[in-house]
Amino acid sequence: MSDEVGPLALVVGGGSGIGAALVSAHRAGGTATVVWDVAGERDVTCDVADPGAIDAAVDETRARWGVPAWVTVTAGIGHAGMLTDVSPEEFDHVLRVNARGPWLCIRAWARILRAEGSPGSFVATSSISARLVDRSMGVYGASKAALSMLVKVAAEEWGPDGLRVNAVGPGVTNTPMLTGGAPSTGSHPWLDGVVSRTSLGRLGEADDIARTILAVHAMEWVTGQVIECDGGLSLRSPIDAYGAATRRTQGASETGSA
């Protein structure tokens, strides 16, 4: 007898970072899970920037494992660059991977689930950058804002068919996308600043986001939402008036006690 329980899950981008953490969480709970990615441990190689690769991955997954009822798209790329410096090719690439790719993935499975009359849950990984302004993050933020709106419209269009569509919006999370390699200890001055602005006092970890995604899949009366999971980072104004005032007060106190 199989120990696998619940619906078949698919994680697009499950070879590393948040996706890999989600795969581990699914499998630890006994959920059969298929992984698409272009690198890392994966069951199917799929580049979400290539519509043909997505179609082939759908066909292979359906033939080998069946139709997933829980689909999560964590595949994405980071980007930073001032708007006056970004090339049209860069812009197109970021939007192709971060917005068009997830849309094509969930649309493909939505069509199949609707044809079968089966319910399903989709979760895409957006970002708090979808709604917060940050210098040099314009193109990345635009790609995530587009994804967040696609999620909302899909939820409205597919709801009558029993399909729920949501997104999670991580803040700064300790993954290879952030660090370019090994997990960070938060010792970089910029990361230290992020930690100081985060209500819960640390960087997010991939497991934090994975647990949120699992919870959203299980919320049967929630659709069309972007659930921000950032430890409270986005609660504070980027003006940082309180922080600046506190630093001035501390500096004056230290000077006076010297």
Protein backbone atom coordinates (compact mmCIF):
# COMPACT_ATOMS: atom_id res chain seq x y z
CA MET A 1 0.00 0.00 0.00
CA SER A 2 1.30 3.46 -0.90
CA ASP A 3 2.05 5.93 1.88
CA GLU A 4 1.15 8.84 -0.41
CA VAL A 5 -1.89 10.86 0.62
CA GLY A 6 -3.94 13.69 -0.78
CA PRO A 7 -3.88 15.12 -4.31
CA LEU A 8 -1.00 14.94 -6.75
CA ALA A 9 1.11 18.10 -6.45
CA LEU A 10 3.24 19.82 -9.07
CA VAL A 11 5.95 22.34 -8.20
CA VAL A 12 7.26 24.34 -11.14
CA GLY A 13 10.70 25.58 -10.14
CA GLY A 14 11.08 22.94 -7.45
CA GLY A 15 14.78 22.33 -8.02
CA SER A 16 16.00 24.99 -5.61
CA GLY A 17 15.05 27.71 -3.15
CA ILE A 18 11.42 28.11 -2.15
CA GLY A 19 10.33 25.46 -4.64
CA ALA A 20 12.70 22.84 -3.23
CA ALA A 21 11.52 23.62 0.30
CA LEU A 22 7.93 23.17 -0.83
CA VAL A 23 8.73 19.84 -2.49
CA SER A 24 10.30 18.62 0.75
CA ALA A 25 7.27 19.77 2.73
CA HIS A 26 4.83 18.08 0.33
CA ARG A 27 6.74 14.81 0.39
CA ALA A 28 7.24 14.89 4.16
CA GLY A 29 3.45 15.01 4.45
CA GLY A 30 3.07 12.03 2.14
CA THR A 31 1.96 13.98 -0.93
CA ALA A 32 3.09 12.65 -4.31
CA THR A 33 4.94 15.56 -5.92
CA VAL A 34 6.27 16.16 -9.43
CA VAL A 35 9.05 18.70 -9.96
CA TRP A 36 9.63 20.79 -13.07
CA ASP A 37 12.80 22.85 -13.39
CA VAL A 38 15.77 23.58 -15.62
CA ALA A 39 18.34 22.72 -12.93
CA GLY A 40 18.65 20.87 -9.65
CA GLU A 41 16.75 17.72 -8.73
CA ARG A 42 13.76 17.46 -11.02
CA ASP A 43 11.42 14.95 -12.61
CA VAL A 44 10.81 16.94 -15.79
CA THR A 45 13.08 19.50 -17.43
CA CYS A 46 11.04 22.58 -18.32
CA ASP A 47 11.98 26.16 -19.13
CA VAL A 48 8.91 28.28 -18.41
CA ALA A 49 10.15 30.90 -20.87
CA ASP A 50 9.49 28.37 -23.66
CA PRO A 51 5.80 27.66 -24.38
CA GLY A 52 6.72 24.51 -26.27
CA ALA A 53 8.65 23.18 -23.28
CA ILE A 54 5.62 23.79 -21.05
CA ASP A 55 3.34 21.88 -23.43
CA ALA A 56 5.80 18.97 -23.54
CA ALA A 57 6.12 18.97 -19.74
CA VAL A 58 2.33 18.86 -19.38
CA ASP A 59 2.10 15.89 -21.74
CA GLU A 60 4.90 14.02 -19.95
CA THR A 61 3.49 14.70 -16.50
CA ARG A 62 0.00 13.65 -17.49
CA ALA A 63 1.25 10.43 -19.07
CA ARG A 64 3.55 9.43 -16.18
CA TRP A 65 1.78 10.68 -13.06
CA GLY A 66 -1.64 12.03 -13.96
CA VAL A 67 -3.21 15.44 -13.47
CA PRO A 68 -2.09 17.47 -10.43
CA ALA A 69 -4.78 19.07 -8.30
CA TRP A 70 -2.29 21.34 -6.52
CA VAL A 71 -0.05 23.34 -8.84
CA THR A 72 2.53 25.80 -7.50
CA VAL A 73 4.73 27.96 -9.70
CA THR A 74 7.83 29.19 -7.90
CA ALA A 75 9.98 29.53 -11.03
CA GLY A 76 11.29 33.04 -11.51
CA ILE A 77 14.35 35.22 -11.87
CA GLY A 78 15.59 38.27 -10.03
CA HIS A 79 16.53 41.53 -11.68
CA ALA A 80 17.85 44.94 -10.69
CA GLY A 81 18.50 47.93 -12.89
CA MET A 82 17.53 51.57 -13.18
CA LEU A 83 14.73 52.12 -15.69
CA THR A 84 16.90 54.37 -17.85
CA ASP A 85 19.51 51.63 -18.18
CA VAL A 86 17.45 48.46 -18.72
CA SER A 87 17.43 47.18 -22.29
CA PRO A 88 14.21 46.12 -24.04
CA GLU A 89 15.63 42.60 -24.22
CA GLU A 90 16.11 42.49 -20.43
CA PHE A 91 12.58 43.77 -19.89
CA ASP A 92 11.11 41.13 -22.19
CA HIS A 93 13.11 38.32 -20.57
CA VAL A 94 12.05 39.20 -17.02
CA LEU A 95 8.38 39.48 -17.99
CA ARG A 96 8.61 36.28 -20.04
CA VAL A 97 9.91 34.24 -17.09
CA ASN A 98 8.14 35.91 -14.16
CA ALA A 99 4.71 36.65 -15.60
CA ARG A 100 4.11 34.90 -18.91
CA GLY A 101 5.68 31.60 -17.81
CA PRO A 102 3.54 31.13 -14.69
CA TRP A 103 0.43 32.15 -16.63
CA LEU A 104 1.13 29.55 -19.32
CA CYS A 105 1.73 26.86 -16.69
CA ILE A 106 -1.44 27.41 -14.72
CA ARG A 107 -3.52 27.98 -17.84
CA ALA A 108 -2.45 24.65 -19.29
CA TRP A 109 -3.54 22.73 -16.20
CA ALA A 110 -6.68 24.84 -15.74
CA ARG A 111 -7.85 23.81 -19.19
CA ILE A 112 -7.37 20.14 -18.35
CA LEU A 113 -9.02 20.34 -14.92
CA ARG A 114 -11.99 22.23 -16.37
CA ALA A 115 -12.41 19.65 -19.13
CA GLU A 116 -12.37 16.86 -16.54
CA GLY A 117 -14.72 18.71 -14.18
CA SER A 118 -12.15 18.41 -11.39
CA PRO A 119 -11.40 21.00 -8.69
CA GLY A 120 -7.90 22.33 -8.23
CA SER A 121 -5.71 24.87 -6.47
CA PHE A 122 -3.05 27.06 -8.05
CA VAL A 123 -0.49 29.16 -6.18
CA ALA A 124 2.03 31.43 -7.87
CA THR A 125 4.96 33.15 -6.22
CA SER A 126 4.63 36.91 -6.52
CA SER A 127 6.48 39.36 -4.25
CA ILE A 128 5.94 42.34 -1.99
CA SER A 129 7.78 44.15 -4.81
CA ALA A 130 4.54 43.86 -6.78
CA ARG A 131 3.17 46.78 -4.77
CA LEU A 132 6.15 48.47 -3.07
CA VAL A 133 8.30 51.02 -4.89
CA ASP A 134 12.03 50.42 -4.74
CA ARG A 135 14.70 52.10 -6.85
CA SER A 136 16.26 49.76 -9.42
CA MET A 137 13.49 47.19 -8.96
CA GLY A 138 11.07 48.58 -11.54
CA VAL A 139 11.16 45.77 -14.07
CA TYR A 140 11.14 43.01 -11.46
CA GLY A 141 8.27 44.73 -9.63
CA ALA A 142 6.35 45.15 -12.86
CA SER A 143 6.70 41.44 -13.63
CA LYS A 144 5.38 40.49 -10.19
CA ALA A 145 2.58 43.06 -10.34
CA ALA A 146 1.52 41.55 -13.67
CA LEU A 147 1.56 38.08 -12.12
CA SER A 148 -0.53 39.21 -9.14
CA MET A 149 -3.18 40.64 -11.48
CA LEU A 150 -3.20 37.52 -13.64
CA VAL A 151 -3.85 35.49 -10.48
CA LYS A 152 -6.80 37.68 -9.52
CA VAL A 153 -8.40 37.59 -12.95
CA ALA A 154 -7.85 33.82 -13.26
CA ALA A 155 -9.56 33.33 -9.89
CA GLU A 156 -12.60 35.22 -11.16
CA GLU A 157 -12.71 33.44 -14.51
CA TRP A 158 -12.12 29.90 -13.22
CA GLY A 159 -13.93 30.03 -9.89
CA PRO A 160 -17.21 28.70 -11.26
CA ASP A 161 -15.30 25.60 -12.38
CA GLY A 162 -14.06 24.86 -8.86
CA LEU A 163 -10.55 26.19 -9.43
CA ARG A 164 -8.90 28.41 -6.84
CA VAL A 165 -6.02 30.70 -7.83
CA ASN A 166 -3.89 32.55 -5.30
CA ALA A 167 -0.39 33.92 -4.89
CA VAL A 168 2.05 34.34 -2.06
CA GLY A 169 4.17 37.47 -1.83
CA PRO A 170 7.49 36.83 -0.07
CA GLY A 171 9.70 39.62 1.18
CA VAL A 172 13.48 39.31 1.29
CA THR A 173 14.07 35.56 1.57
CA ASN A 174 17.31 33.70 2.13
CA THR A 175 17.51 31.73 -1.12
CA PRO A 176 20.09 31.33 -3.90
CA MET A 177 18.30 34.10 -5.85
CA LEU A 178 19.17 36.52 -3.05
CA THR A 179 22.65 35.33 -2.24
CA GLY A 180 23.87 33.96 -5.56
CA GLY A 181 24.92 30.72 -3.88
CA ALA A 182 25.13 29.56 -0.28
CA PRO A 183 22.52 30.72 2.27
CA SER A 184 23.38 34.04 3.81
CA THR A 185 24.06 34.64 7.49
CA GLY A 186 22.65 38.16 7.18
CA SER A 187 26.06 39.75 7.84
CA HIS A 188 25.97 41.98 4.75
CA PRO A 189 25.16 45.63 5.61
CA TRP A 190 22.16 45.70 3.26
CA LEU A 191 20.79 42.47 4.73
CA ASP A 192 21.41 43.78 8.23
CA GLY A 193 19.27 46.76 7.28
CA VAL A 194 16.51 44.49 6.02
CA VAL A 195 16.57 42.54 9.27
CA SER A 196 16.36 45.75 11.29
CA ARG A 197 13.25 46.81 9.32
CA THR A 198 11.54 43.42 9.61
CA SER A 199 9.05 43.20 12.46
CA LEU A 200 9.97 39.61 13.30
CA GLY A 201 13.66 40.46 13.34
CA ARG A 202 15.21 38.12 10.76
CA LEU A 203 15.38 37.26 7.08
CA GLY A 204 12.72 35.00 5.67
CA GLU A 205 13.69 31.41 4.95
CA ALA A 206 12.50 29.16 2.14
CA ASP A 207 10.68 26.97 4.66
CA ASP A 208 8.66 29.99 5.86
CA ILE A 209 7.31 30.53 2.37
CA ALA A 210 6.76 26.81 1.75
CA ARG A 211 4.58 26.52 4.85
CA THR A 212 2.54 29.50 3.69
CA ILE A 213 2.00 27.92 0.27
CA LEU A 214 0.82 24.68 1.88
CA ALA A 215 -1.62 26.63 4.01
CA VAL A 216 -3.01 28.53 1.03
CA HIS A 217 -3.58 25.30 -0.91
CA ALA A 218 -5.57 24.02 2.08
CA MET A 219 -7.75 27.15 2.39
CA GLU A 220 -10.82 26.04 0.46
CA TRP A 221 -12.69 29.36 0.80
CA VAL A 222 -9.81 31.60 -0.33
CA THR A 223 -9.21 32.59 -3.94
CA GLY A 224 -7.87 35.59 -5.84
CA GLN A 225 -5.63 36.67 -2.98
CA VAL A 226 -1.95 37.59 -2.68
CA ILE A 227 -0.87 36.44 0.78
CA GLU A 228 2.17 38.43 1.81
CA CYS A 229 4.65 36.46 3.91
CA ASP A 230 7.47 38.83 4.74
CA GLY A 231 7.78 38.82 8.53
CA GLY A 232 6.35 42.33 8.59
CA LEU A 233 8.98 43.90 6.33
CA SER A 234 6.36 45.74 4.25
CA LEU A 235 4.62 47.18 7.32
CA ARG A 236 7.20 49.92 7.72
CA SER A 237 7.26 52.99 5.54
CA PRO A 238 10.31 53.12 3.26
CA ILE A 239 10.79 56.68 4.54
CA ASP A 240 11.97 55.00 7.77
CA ALA A 241 11.19 58.08 9.86
CA TYR A 242 11.09 56.22 13.14
CA GLY A 243 14.34 54.41 12.42
CA ALA A 244 16.12 57.59 11.39
CA ALA A 245 14.92 59.40 14.51
CA THR A 246 15.99 56.51 16.71
CA ARG A 247 19.46 56.46 15.20
CA ARG A 248 19.84 60.21 15.72
CA THR A 249 18.75 59.87 19.36
CA GLN A 250 21.11 56.98 19.95
CA GLY A 251 23.95 58.87 18.33
CA ALA A 252 23.32 61.91 20.51
CA SER A 253 23.14 59.76 23.61
CA GLU A 254 26.39 58.00 22.78
CA THR A 255 28.08 61.32 22.12
CA GLY A 256 26.82 62.77 25.37
CA SER A 257 28.02 59.81 27.41
CA ALA A 258 31.49 59.75 25.90
